[in-house]
Amino acid sequence: MPLQWTGQVTLRILGPVEEEVVVQGQDLNLLHAGLRILDNDEIRHEFVYRYDDPRFELVLNATVETNIVEVDSPLLDAKTAVGLEEQTNTLAATFHHDPDIDDEPLTPVSSN
């Protein structure tokens, strides 16, 4: 189950003309998702989200353990802009856990 995002991040694009861009949480695209089995009782879900703009790319890494979502600071990559600055970040993510779907390994585990 992908994360559900609320909030936004405001970026300042530095260049010949400075401007502010607001990226809404619901505009983030899921790039990768997976899970790690840490021990018999613990699973960590891992997500990578991206927002792609012709001038920049924003990437967010997030993990979920025991229903606690941790989101790393955004990774910013300027494409055509001279630079980028994060102004404000109110992004928050929630994870609605369904063990029957979310905790199933993608490849079968052999009992041999």
Protein backbone atom coordinates (compact mmCIF):
# COMPACT_ATOMS: atom_id res chain seq x y z
CA MET A 1 0.00 0.00 0.00
CA PRO A 2 1.54 3.33 -0.99
CA LEU A 3 1.82 6.23 1.39
CA GLN A 4 -0.83 8.93 1.48
CA TRP A 5 0.68 12.42 1.42
CA THR A 6 -0.62 15.71 2.79
CA GLY A 7 1.00 19.11 2.93
CA GLN A 8 3.44 20.70 0.54
CA VAL A 9 7.03 21.76 0.04
CA THR A 10 7.88 25.23 -1.26
CA LEU A 11 11.07 25.62 -3.27
CA ARG A 12 12.87 28.70 -4.49
CA ILE A 13 14.38 28.31 -7.93
CA LEU A 14 17.52 30.41 -8.25
CA GLY A 15 18.49 31.62 -11.70
CA PRO A 16 18.19 34.66 -13.92
CA VAL A 17 14.63 35.02 -12.61
CA GLU A 18 13.93 33.72 -9.11
CA GLU A 19 10.59 32.05 -8.51
CA GLU A 20 8.84 29.93 -5.92
CA VAL A 21 7.33 26.56 -6.78
CA VAL A 22 4.91 24.68 -4.55
CA VAL A 23 4.91 20.88 -4.78
CA GLN A 24 1.78 19.33 -3.27
CA GLY A 25 2.09 15.99 -1.47
CA GLN A 26 -0.54 14.36 -3.67
CA ASP A 27 1.57 15.25 -6.75
CA LEU A 28 4.44 12.97 -5.68
CA ASN A 29 4.83 9.83 -7.79
CA LEU A 30 5.80 6.47 -6.34
CA LEU A 31 9.10 5.37 -7.89
CA HIS A 32 10.01 2.29 -5.80
CA ALA A 33 8.45 0.38 -2.92
CA GLY A 34 9.55 -2.69 -1.04
CA LEU A 35 9.87 -4.32 2.32
CA ARG A 36 12.64 -5.76 4.46
CA ILE A 37 12.09 -8.52 6.96
CA LEU A 38 14.15 -7.43 9.96
CA ASP A 39 13.38 -10.36 12.25
CA ASN A 40 10.49 -12.70 12.93
CA ASP A 41 8.17 -9.95 14.12
CA GLU A 42 9.37 -6.80 12.37
CA ILE A 43 9.00 -5.58 8.82
CA ARG A 44 10.25 -2.28 7.40
CA HIS A 45 8.44 -0.86 4.38
CA GLU A 46 10.59 1.38 2.17
CA PHE A 47 9.40 3.92 -0.38
CA VAL A 48 10.97 6.31 -2.86
CA TYR A 49 8.79 9.10 -4.24
CA ARG A 50 9.67 11.61 -6.95
CA TYR A 51 8.37 14.86 -8.36
CA ASP A 52 9.78 15.62 -11.79
CA ASP A 53 9.75 19.13 -13.23
CA PRO A 54 11.63 20.32 -16.34
CA ARG A 55 13.75 22.56 -14.06
CA PHE A 56 14.35 20.21 -11.12
CA GLU A 57 13.76 16.82 -9.55
CA LEU A 58 12.64 16.26 -5.96
CA VAL A 59 13.12 12.81 -4.39
CA LEU A 60 11.80 11.66 -1.01
CA ASN A 61 12.78 8.48 0.81
CA ALA A 62 10.43 7.17 3.49
CA THR A 63 10.32 4.13 5.75
CA VAL A 64 7.60 2.63 7.91
CA GLU A 65 8.24 0.43 10.96
CA THR A 66 5.49 -0.51 13.42
CA ASN A 67 3.18 2.01 11.68
CA ILE A 68 5.57 4.92 12.32
CA VAL A 69 6.41 6.79 9.12
CA GLU A 70 9.82 8.46 8.86
CA VAL A 71 10.44 10.77 5.91
CA ASP A 72 13.96 11.93 5.01
CA SER A 73 14.66 15.49 3.93
CA PRO A 74 13.94 16.05 0.25
CA LEU A 75 16.78 15.48 -2.19
CA LEU A 76 16.83 18.29 -4.74
CA ASP A 77 18.51 18.17 -8.13
CA ALA A 78 18.55 21.26 -10.33
CA LYS A 79 18.30 20.50 -14.05
CA THR A 80 18.17 23.85 -15.80
CA ALA A 81 18.01 26.12 -12.77
CA VAL A 82 21.17 27.54 -11.27
CA GLY A 83 20.14 26.33 -7.83
CA LEU A 84 17.32 25.29 -5.54
CA GLU A 85 16.46 26.14 -1.95
CA GLU A 86 13.83 24.54 0.25
CA GLN A 87 11.73 27.30 1.79
CA THR A 88 9.07 25.42 3.76
CA ASN A 89 8.14 21.78 4.12
CA THR A 90 4.84 20.66 5.63
CA LEU A 91 4.78 17.24 3.96
CA ALA A 92 3.43 14.40 6.06
CA ALA A 93 2.74 10.80 5.13
CA THR A 94 0.42 8.17 6.54
CA PHE A 95 0.51 4.42 5.99
CA HIS A 96 -2.63 2.32 6.22
CA HIS A 97 -1.32 -1.14 6.95
CA ASP A 98 -3.01 -4.25 5.59
CA PRO A 99 -0.87 -7.25 6.64
CA ASP A 100 -2.52 -9.55 4.09
CA ILE A 101 -1.32 -7.30 1.25
CA ASP A 102 1.57 -5.25 2.62
CA ASP A 103 3.59 -7.97 4.37
CA GLU A 104 3.59 -10.61 1.67
CA PRO A 105 7.03 -11.18 0.09
CA LEU A 106 7.09 -10.62 -3.65
CA THR A 107 8.93 -13.91 -4.24
CA PRO A 108 7.96 -17.22 -2.67
CA VAL A 109 10.05 -18.49 0.20
CA SER A 110 11.13 -22.11 -0.16
CA SER A 111 10.70 -24.43 2.80
CA ASN A 112 13.48 -26.74 1.61
